[in-house]
Protein backbone atom coordinates (compact mmCIF):
# COMPACT_ATOMS: atom_id res chain seq x y z
CA MET A 1 -20.10 48.96 75.39
CA LYS A 2 -20.33 45.36 76.57
CA LYS A 3 -20.82 42.62 74.00
CA GLU A 4 -24.08 41.59 75.62
CA ASN A 5 -25.48 45.07 75.24
CA LYS A 6 -24.68 45.40 71.54
CA LEU A 7 -27.37 42.96 70.54
CA ALA A 8 -29.90 44.73 72.75
CA VAL A 9 -28.97 48.12 71.29
CA GLY A 10 -29.35 46.76 67.75
CA ILE A 11 -32.78 45.35 68.56
CA LEU A 12 -33.80 48.63 70.17
CA ILE A 13 -32.71 50.58 67.07
CA GLY A 14 -34.57 48.21 64.76
CA MET A 15 -37.71 48.18 66.88
CA THR A 16 -37.76 51.96 67.08
CA ILE A 17 -37.48 52.25 63.31
CA GLY A 18 -40.14 49.55 62.94
CA VAL A 19 -42.56 51.40 65.23
CA VAL A 20 -42.11 54.65 63.34
CA ILE A 21 -42.66 53.03 59.93
CA GLY A 22 -45.54 50.96 61.35
CA VAL A 23 -47.34 54.03 62.64
CA ILE A 24 -46.83 55.85 59.34
CA THR A 25 -48.08 52.93 57.23
CA ASP A 26 -50.77 51.88 59.74
CA ASN A 27 -49.34 48.34 59.92
CA ILE A 28 -47.50 48.33 63.23
CA GLY A 29 -47.49 44.54 63.75
CA LEU A 30 -45.63 43.83 60.56
CA TRP A 31 -43.08 46.58 61.03
CA ILE A 32 -42.31 45.81 64.68
CA SER A 33 -41.46 42.24 63.78
CA LEU A 34 -39.38 43.32 60.79
CA GLY A 35 -37.67 45.97 62.92
CA ILE A 36 -36.71 43.40 65.57
CA SER A 37 -35.31 41.10 62.86
CA ILE A 38 -33.30 43.87 61.25
CA GLY A 39 -32.20 45.12 64.68
CA ALA A 40 -30.91 41.69 65.62
CA ALA A 41 -28.82 41.68 62.44
CA ILE A 42 -27.50 45.13 63.31
CA GLY A 43 -26.59 43.95 66.84
CA ILE A 44 -24.74 40.92 65.53
CA THR A 45 -22.88 43.17 63.10
CA PHE A 46 -21.86 45.43 66.00
CA LYS A 47 -20.51 42.35 67.84
CA GLN A 48 -18.56 41.20 64.79
CA MET A 49 -17.07 44.65 64.21
CA ASP A 50 -15.94 44.77 67.83
CA LYS A 51 -14.41 41.29 67.57
CA ASN A 52 -12.51 42.30 64.41
CA ASP A 53 -11.24 45.54 66.01
CA LYS A 54 -9.78 43.66 68.96
CA GLY A 55 -8.06 41.11 66.76
CA ASP A 56 -9.98 38.16 68.15
CA ASN A 57 -10.83 36.86 64.69
CA PRO A 58 -9.06 33.53 64.12
CA ASP A 59 -9.78 33.66 60.38
CA GLU A 60 -7.25 36.41 59.79
């Protein structure tokens, strides 16, 4: 998967979870925004894991 797509996939995962929880709790606006935030964090984590697997991390 391309690096550009990892962030999008993370946001999609978070938004999907946010929509499901929002529908269940009848507060979809809150949970979509929280889902996008959490999804962005997931996408960034995917990017960092990929960078560490390839050995591109200058800190090590």
